[in-house]
Amino acid sequence: MNGINYLLDTNIIIGLLKGNGQAVNLTQGINLLACAYSVITRMELLGFVGITEYEERTIKALLDRMAI
């Protein structure tokens, strides 16, 4: 058992980063250490055209708390 209980998709992670109420409510009480994301999600988040350095750092900081 690896301790991963949730696989978050791109839309949920974007919602968390933007502070979207629905995404925040869905993940409330969930420890990010028990979450994972896919390689595709990482590509979608970091491959967005026009992403700023700040946005890239913010995304990476969140993803670093989860398993891939």
PDB file of N, CA and C in Angstrom:
ATOM      1  N   MET A   1       0.845  -1.175   0.000  1.00  0.00           N
ATOM      2  CA  MET A   1       0.000   0.000   0.000  1.00  0.00           C
ATOM      3  C   MET A   1       0.891   1.239   0.000  1.00  0.00           C
ATOM      4  N   ASN A   2       0.630   2.180  -0.890  1.00  0.00           N
ATOM      5  CA  ASN A   2       1.488   3.341  -1.029  1.00  0.00           C
ATOM      6  C   ASN A   2       0.960   4.596  -0.338  1.00  0.00           C
ATOM      7  N   GLY A   3      -0.209   4.547   0.237  1.00  0.00           N
ATOM      8  CA  GLY A   3      -0.763   5.703   0.934  1.00  0.00           C
ATOM      9  C   GLY A   3      -1.464   6.703   0.040  1.00  0.00           C
ATOM     10  N   ILE A   4      -1.538   6.432  -1.252  1.00  0.00           N
ATOM     11  CA  ILE A   4      -2.218   7.327  -2.181  1.00  0.00           C
ATOM     12  C   ILE A   4      -3.693   6.937  -2.229  1.00  0.00           C
ATOM     13  N   ASN A   5      -4.539   7.896  -1.910  1.00  0.00           N
ATOM     14  CA  ASN A   5      -5.976   7.635  -1.882  1.00  0.00           C
ATOM     15  C   ASN A   5      -6.755   8.376  -2.957  1.00  0.00           C
ATOM     16  N   TYR A   6      -6.147   9.416  -3.553  1.00  0.00           N
ATOM     17  CA  TYR A   6      -6.855  10.266  -4.504  1.00  0.00           C
ATOM     18  C   TYR A   6      -5.964  10.568  -5.701  1.00  0.00           C
ATOM     19  N   LEU A   7      -6.571  10.576  -6.881  1.00  0.00           N
ATOM     20  CA  LEU A   7      -5.898  11.006  -8.097  1.00  0.00           C
ATOM     21  C   LEU A   7      -6.599  12.274  -8.567  1.00  0.00           C
ATOM     22  N   LEU A   8      -5.889  13.388  -8.485  1.00  0.00           N
ATOM     23  CA  LEU A   8      -6.485  14.674  -8.844  1.00  0.00           C
ATOM     24  C   LEU A   8      -6.249  14.966 -10.317  1.00  0.00           C
ATOM     25  N   ASP A   9      -7.287  15.415 -11.005  1.00  0.00           N
ATOM     26  CA  ASP A   9      -7.121  15.748 -12.413  1.00  0.00           C
ATOM     27  C   ASP A   9      -6.787  17.229 -12.571  1.00  0.00           C
ATOM     28  N   THR A  10      -6.495  17.607 -13.784  1.00  0.00           N
ATOM     29  CA  THR A  10      -6.053  18.968 -14.096  1.00  0.00           C
ATOM     30  C   THR A  10      -7.052  20.016 -13.613  1.00  0.00           C
ATOM     31  N   ASN A  11      -8.327  19.800 -13.849  1.00  0.00           N
ATOM     32  CA  ASN A  11      -9.339  20.796 -13.488  1.00  0.00           C
ATOM     33  C   ASN A  11      -9.409  21.029 -11.985  1.00  0.00           C
ATOM     34  N   ILE A  12      -9.280  19.983 -11.203  1.00  0.00           N
ATOM     35  CA  ILE A  12      -9.310  20.140  -9.747  1.00  0.00           C
ATOM     36  C   ILE A  12      -8.083  20.925  -9.291  1.00  0.00           C
ATOM     37  N   ILE A  13      -6.917  20.603  -9.830  1.00  0.00           N
ATOM     38  CA  ILE A  13      -5.699  21.303  -9.429  1.00  0.00           C
ATOM     39  C   ILE A  13      -5.758  22.770  -9.841  1.00  0.00           C
ATOM     40  N   ILE A  14      -6.251  23.058 -11.038  1.00  0.00           N
ATOM     41  CA  ILE A  14      -6.419  24.460 -11.450  1.00  0.00           C
ATOM     42  C   ILE A  14      -7.385  25.155 -10.503  1.00  0.00           C
ATOM     43  N   GLY A  15      -8.468  24.472 -10.158  1.00  0.00           N
ATOM     44  CA  GLY A  15      -9.433  25.051  -9.223  1.00  0.00           C
ATOM     45  C   GLY A  15      -8.809  25.363  -7.874  1.00  0.00           C
ATOM     46  N   LEU A  16      -7.971  24.473  -7.373  1.00  0.00           N
ATOM     47  CA  LEU A  16      -7.290  24.719  -6.103  1.00  0.00           C
ATOM     48  C   LEU A  16      -6.362  25.926  -6.209  1.00  0.00           C
ATOM     49  N   LEU A  17      -5.629  25.992  -7.303  1.00  0.00           N
ATOM     50  CA  LEU A  17      -4.697  27.105  -7.494  1.00  0.00           C
ATOM     51  C   LEU A  17      -5.417  28.447  -7.595  1.00  0.00           C
ATOM     52  N   LYS A  18      -6.620  28.434  -8.165  1.00  0.00           N
ATOM     53  CA  LYS A  18      -7.401  29.663  -8.328  1.00  0.00           C
ATOM     54  C   LYS A  18      -8.309  29.947  -7.137  1.00  0.00           C
ATOM     55  N   GLY A  19      -8.353  29.012  -6.189  1.00  0.00           N
ATOM     56  CA  GLY A  19      -9.215  29.195  -5.029  1.00  0.00           C
ATOM     57  C   GLY A  19     -10.687  29.007  -5.340  1.00  0.00           C
ATOM     58  N   ASN A  20     -10.989  28.223  -6.375  1.00  0.00           N
ATOM     59  CA  ASN A  20     -12.362  27.942  -6.753  1.00  0.00           C
ATOM     60  C   ASN A  20     -13.071  27.211  -5.616  1.00  0.00           C
ATOM     61  N   GLY A  21     -14.217  27.722  -5.219  1.00  0.00           N
ATOM     62  CA  GLY A  21     -14.959  27.176  -4.084  1.00  0.00           C
ATOM     63  C   GLY A  21     -15.307  25.708  -4.220  1.00  0.00           C
ATOM     64  N   GLN A  22     -15.739  25.291  -5.400  1.00  0.00           N
ATOM     65  CA  GLN A  22     -16.114  23.892  -5.593  1.00  0.00           C
ATOM     66  C   GLN A  22     -14.905  22.980  -5.447  1.00  0.00           C
ATOM     67  N   ALA A  23     -13.774  23.359  -6.030  1.00  0.00           N
ATOM     68  CA  ALA A  23     -12.561  22.534  -5.932  1.00  0.00           C
ATOM     69  C   ALA A  23     -12.065  22.484  -4.494  1.00  0.00           C
ATOM     70  N   VAL A  24     -12.113  23.617  -3.829  1.00  0.00           N
ATOM     71  CA  VAL A  24     -11.665  23.671  -2.438  1.00  0.00           C
ATOM     72  C   VAL A  24     -12.570  22.808  -1.568  1.00  0.00           C
ATOM     73  N   ASN A  25     -13.882  22.898  -1.769  1.00  0.00           N
ATOM     74  CA  ASN A  25     -14.822  22.088  -0.989  1.00  0.00           C
ATOM     75  C   ASN A  25     -14.638  20.600  -1.241  1.00  0.00           C
ATOM     76  N   LEU A  26     -14.395  20.216  -2.497  1.00  0.00           N
ATOM     77  CA  LEU A  26     -14.201  18.802  -2.833  1.00  0.00           C
ATOM     78  C   LEU A  26     -12.971  18.217  -2.154  1.00  0.00           C
ATOM     79  N   THR A  27     -11.963  19.031  -1.950  1.00  0.00           N
ATOM     80  CA  THR A  27     -10.700  18.532  -1.400  1.00  0.00           C
ATOM     81  C   THR A  27     -10.497  18.915   0.061  1.00  0.00           C
ATOM     82  N   GLN A  28     -11.487  19.558   0.637  1.00  0.00           N
ATOM     83  CA  GLN A  28     -11.375  19.969   2.038  1.00  0.00           C
ATOM     84  C   GLN A  28     -11.146  18.753   2.933  1.00  0.00           C
ATOM     85  N   GLY A  29     -10.165  18.847   3.782  1.00  0.00           N
ATOM     86  CA  GLY A  29      -9.868  17.770   4.715  1.00  0.00           C
ATOM     87  C   GLY A  29      -9.003  16.664   4.135  1.00  0.00           C
ATOM     88  N   ILE A  30      -8.634  16.794   2.870  1.00  0.00           N
ATOM     89  CA  ILE A  30      -7.776  15.784   2.241  1.00  0.00           C
ATOM     90  C   ILE A  30      -6.323  16.232   2.363  1.00  0.00           C
ATOM     91  N   ASN A  31      -5.496  15.350   2.850  1.00  0.00           N
ATOM     92  CA  ASN A  31      -4.069  15.620   2.958  1.00  0.00           C
ATOM     93  C   ASN A  31      -3.454  15.461   1.574  1.00  0.00           C
ATOM     94  N   LEU A  32      -2.768  16.496   1.076  1.00  0.00           N
ATOM     95  CA  LEU A  32      -2.171  16.422  -0.251  1.00  0.00           C
ATOM     96  C   LEU A  32      -1.141  15.307  -0.367  1.00  0.00           C
ATOM     97  N   LEU A  33      -0.578  14.880   0.749  1.00  0.00           N
ATOM     98  CA  LEU A  33       0.372  13.773   0.709  1.00  0.00           C
ATOM     99  C   LEU A  33      -0.304  12.462   0.332  1.00  0.00           C
ATOM    100  N   ALA A  34      -1.626  12.410   0.449  1.00  0.00           N
ATOM    101  CA  ALA A  34      -2.399  11.226   0.068  1.00  0.00           C
ATOM    102  C   ALA A  34      -2.942  11.353  -1.346  1.00  0.00           C
ATOM    103  N   CYS A  35      -2.474  12.379  -2.084  1.00  0.00           N
ATOM    104  CA  CYS A  35      -2.953  12.631  -3.440  1.00  0.00           C
ATOM    105  C   CYS A  35      -1.852  12.396  -4.459  1.00  0.00           C
ATOM    106  N   ALA A  36      -2.288  12.101  -5.663  1.00  0.00           N
ATOM    107  CA  ALA A  36      -1.372  11.941  -6.781  1.00  0.00           C
ATOM    108  C   ALA A  36      -1.962  12.650  -7.991  1.00  0.00           C
ATOM    109  N   TYR A  37      -1.129  12.808  -9.015  1.00  0.00           N
ATOM    110  CA  TYR A  37      -1.560  13.373 -10.284  1.00  0.00           C
ATOM    111  C   TYR A  37      -0.832  12.609 -11.386  1.00  0.00           C
ATOM    112  N   SER A  38      -1.342  12.703 -12.592  1.00  0.00           N
ATOM    113  CA  SER A  38      -0.742  11.966 -13.699  1.00  0.00           C
ATOM    114  C   SER A  38       0.293  12.821 -14.434  1.00  0.00           C
ATOM    115  N   VAL A  39       1.108  12.156 -15.217  1.00  0.00           N
ATOM    116  CA  VAL A  39       2.079  12.850 -16.052  1.00  0.00           C
ATOM    117  C   VAL A  39       1.355  13.778 -17.027  1.00  0.00           C
ATOM    118  N   ILE A  40       0.224  13.339 -17.524  1.00  0.00           N
ATOM    119  CA  ILE A  40      -0.567  14.165 -18.445  1.00  0.00           C
ATOM    120  C   ILE A  40      -1.016  15.443 -17.749  1.00  0.00           C
ATOM    121  N   THR A  41      -1.464  15.335 -16.504  1.00  0.00           N
ATOM    122  CA  THR A  41      -1.876  16.520 -15.745  1.00  0.00           C
ATOM    123  C   THR A  41      -0.719  17.487 -15.601  1.00  0.00           C
ATOM    124  N   ARG A  42       0.466  16.977 -15.285  1.00  0.00           N
ATOM    125  CA  ARG A  42       1.654  17.837 -15.167  1.00  0.00           C
ATOM    126  C   ARG A  42       1.929  18.557 -16.481  1.00  0.00           C
ATOM    127  N   MET A  43       1.850  17.823 -17.587  1.00  0.00           N
ATOM    128  CA  MET A  43       2.081  18.418 -18.905  1.00  0.00           C
ATOM    129  C   MET A  43       1.046  19.495 -19.214  1.00  0.00           C
ATOM    130  N   GLU A  44      -0.202  19.223 -18.882  1.00  0.00           N
ATOM    131  CA  GLU A  44      -1.259  20.203 -19.142  1.00  0.00           C
ATOM    132  C   GLU A  44      -1.064  21.467 -18.310  1.00  0.00           C
ATOM    133  N   LEU A  45      -0.675  21.303 -17.056  1.00  0.00           N
ATOM    134  CA  LEU A  45      -0.506  22.454 -16.179  1.00  0.00           C
ATOM    135  C   LEU A  45       0.706  23.301 -16.553  1.00  0.00           C
ATOM    136  N   LEU A  46       1.825  22.646 -16.815  1.00  0.00           N
ATOM    137  CA  LEU A  46       3.069  23.383 -17.066  1.00  0.00           C
ATOM    138  C   LEU A  46       3.277  23.722 -18.542  1.00  0.00           C
ATOM    139  N   GLY A  47       2.494  23.123 -19.421  1.00  0.00           N
ATOM    140  CA  GLY A  47       2.641  23.383 -20.843  1.00  0.00           C
ATOM    141  C   GLY A  47       1.698  24.443 -21.368  1.00  0.00           C
ATOM    142  N   PHE A  48       0.992  25.103 -20.489  1.00  0.00           N
ATOM    143  CA  PHE A  48       0.031  26.126 -20.894  1.00  0.00           C
ATOM    144  C   PHE A  48       0.762  27.291 -21.548  1.00  0.00           C
ATOM    145  N   VAL A  49       0.316  27.699 -22.731  1.00  0.00           N
ATOM    146  CA  VAL A  49       0.936  28.812 -23.445  1.00  0.00           C
ATOM    147  C   VAL A  49       0.751  30.100 -22.638  1.00  0.00           C
ATOM    148  N   GLY A  50       1.832  30.825 -22.436  1.00  0.00           N
ATOM    149  CA  GLY A  50       1.761  32.100 -21.729  1.00  0.00           C
ATOM    150  C   GLY A  50       1.903  31.981 -20.221  1.00  0.00           C
ATOM    151  N   ILE A  51       2.254  30.813 -19.715  1.00  0.00           N
ATOM    152  CA  ILE A  51       2.417  30.636 -18.272  1.00  0.00           C
ATOM    153  C   ILE A  51       3.559  31.534 -17.783  1.00  0.00           C
ATOM    154  N   THR A  52       3.338  32.190 -16.671  1.00  0.00           N
ATOM    155  CA  THR A  52       4.373  33.061 -16.108  1.00  0.00           C
ATOM    156  C   THR A  52       5.299  32.253 -15.205  1.00  0.00           C
ATOM    157  N   GLU A  53       6.448  32.826 -14.887  1.00  0.00           N
ATOM    158  CA  GLU A  53       7.383  32.155 -13.976  1.00  0.00           C
ATOM    159  C   GLU A  53       6.742  31.949 -12.609  1.00  0.00           C
ATOM    160  N   TYR A  54       5.987  32.948 -12.152  1.00  0.00           N
ATOM    161  CA  TYR A  54       5.310  32.835 -10.857  1.00  0.00           C
ATOM    162  C   TYR A  54       4.309  31.677 -10.879  1.00  0.00           C
ATOM    163  N   GLU A  55       3.501  31.595 -11.940  1.00  0.00           N
ATOM    164  CA  GLU A  55       2.526  30.513 -12.050  1.00  0.00           C
ATOM    165  C   GLU A  55       3.223  29.155 -12.094  1.00  0.00           C
ATOM    166  N   GLU A  56       4.319  29.076 -12.813  1.00  0.00           N
ATOM    167  CA  GLU A  56       5.065  27.823 -12.892  1.00  0.00           C
ATOM    168  C   GLU A  56       5.595  27.407 -11.522  1.00  0.00           C
ATOM    169  N   ARG A  57       6.152  28.363 -10.787  1.00  0.00           N
ATOM    170  CA  ARG A  57       6.651  28.057  -9.435  1.00  0.00           C
ATOM    171  C   ARG A  57       5.517  27.628  -8.516  1.00  0.00           C
ATOM    172  N   THR A  58       4.382  28.300  -8.616  1.00  0.00           N
ATOM    173  CA  THR A  58       3.225  27.978  -7.773  1.00  0.00           C
ATOM    174  C   THR A  58       2.712  26.573  -8.075  1.00  0.00           C
ATOM    175  N   ILE A  59       2.598  26.254  -9.345  1.00  0.00           N
ATOM    176  CA  ILE A  59       2.135  24.919  -9.752  1.00  0.00           C
ATOM    177  C   ILE A  59       3.102  23.856  -9.255  1.00  0.00           C
ATOM    178  N   LYS A  60       4.392  24.073  -9.489  1.00  0.00           N
ATOM    179  CA  LYS A  60       5.401  23.088  -9.064  1.00  0.00           C
ATOM    180  C   LYS A  60       5.399  22.906  -7.550  1.00  0.00           C
ATOM    181  N   ALA A  61       5.200  23.990  -6.812  1.00  0.00           N
ATOM    182  CA  ALA A  61       5.169  23.896  -5.356  1.00  0.00           C
ATOM    183  C   ALA A  61       4.001  23.019  -4.899  1.00  0.00           C
ATOM    184  N   LEU A  62       2.853  23.155  -5.549  1.00  0.00           N
ATOM    185  CA  LEU A  62       1.701  22.321  -5.204  1.00  0.00           C
ATOM    186  C   LEU A  62       1.937  20.865  -5.613  1.00  0.00           C
ATOM    187  N   LEU A  63       2.439  20.661  -6.821  1.00  0.00           N
ATOM    188  CA  LEU A  63       2.664  19.304  -7.310  1.00  0.00           C
ATOM    189  C   LEU A  63       3.734  18.580  -6.490  1.00  0.00           C
ATOM    190  N   ASP A  64       4.698  19.314  -5.983  1.00  0.00           N
ATOM    191  CA  ASP A  64       5.755  18.699  -5.170  1.00  0.00           C
ATOM    192  C   ASP A  64       5.224  18.074  -3.891  1.00  0.00           C
ATOM    193  N   ARG A  65       4.028  18.470  -3.482  1.00  0.00           N
ATOM    194  CA  ARG A  65       3.434  17.931  -2.252  1.00  0.00           C
ATOM    195  C   ARG A  65       2.661  16.634  -2.510  1.00  0.00           C
ATOM    196  N   MET A  66       2.554  16.277  -3.799  1.00  0.00           N
ATOM    197  CA  MET A  66       1.794  15.084  -4.178  1.00  0.00           C
ATOM    198  C   MET A  66       2.690  14.097  -4.914  1.00  0.00           C
ATOM    199  N   ALA A  67       2.207  12.880  -5.030  1.00  0.00           N
ATOM    200  CA  ALA A  67       2.921  11.844  -5.790  1.00  0.00           C
ATOM    201  C   ALA A  67       2.551  11.952  -7.269  1.00  0.00           C
ATOM    202  N   ILE A  68       3.463  11.498  -8.108  1.00  0.00           N
ATOM    203  CA  ILE A  68       3.181  11.492  -9.545  1.00  0.00           C
ATOM    204  C   ILE A  68       2.948  10.064 -10.000  1.00  0.00           C
TER     205      ILE A  68
END
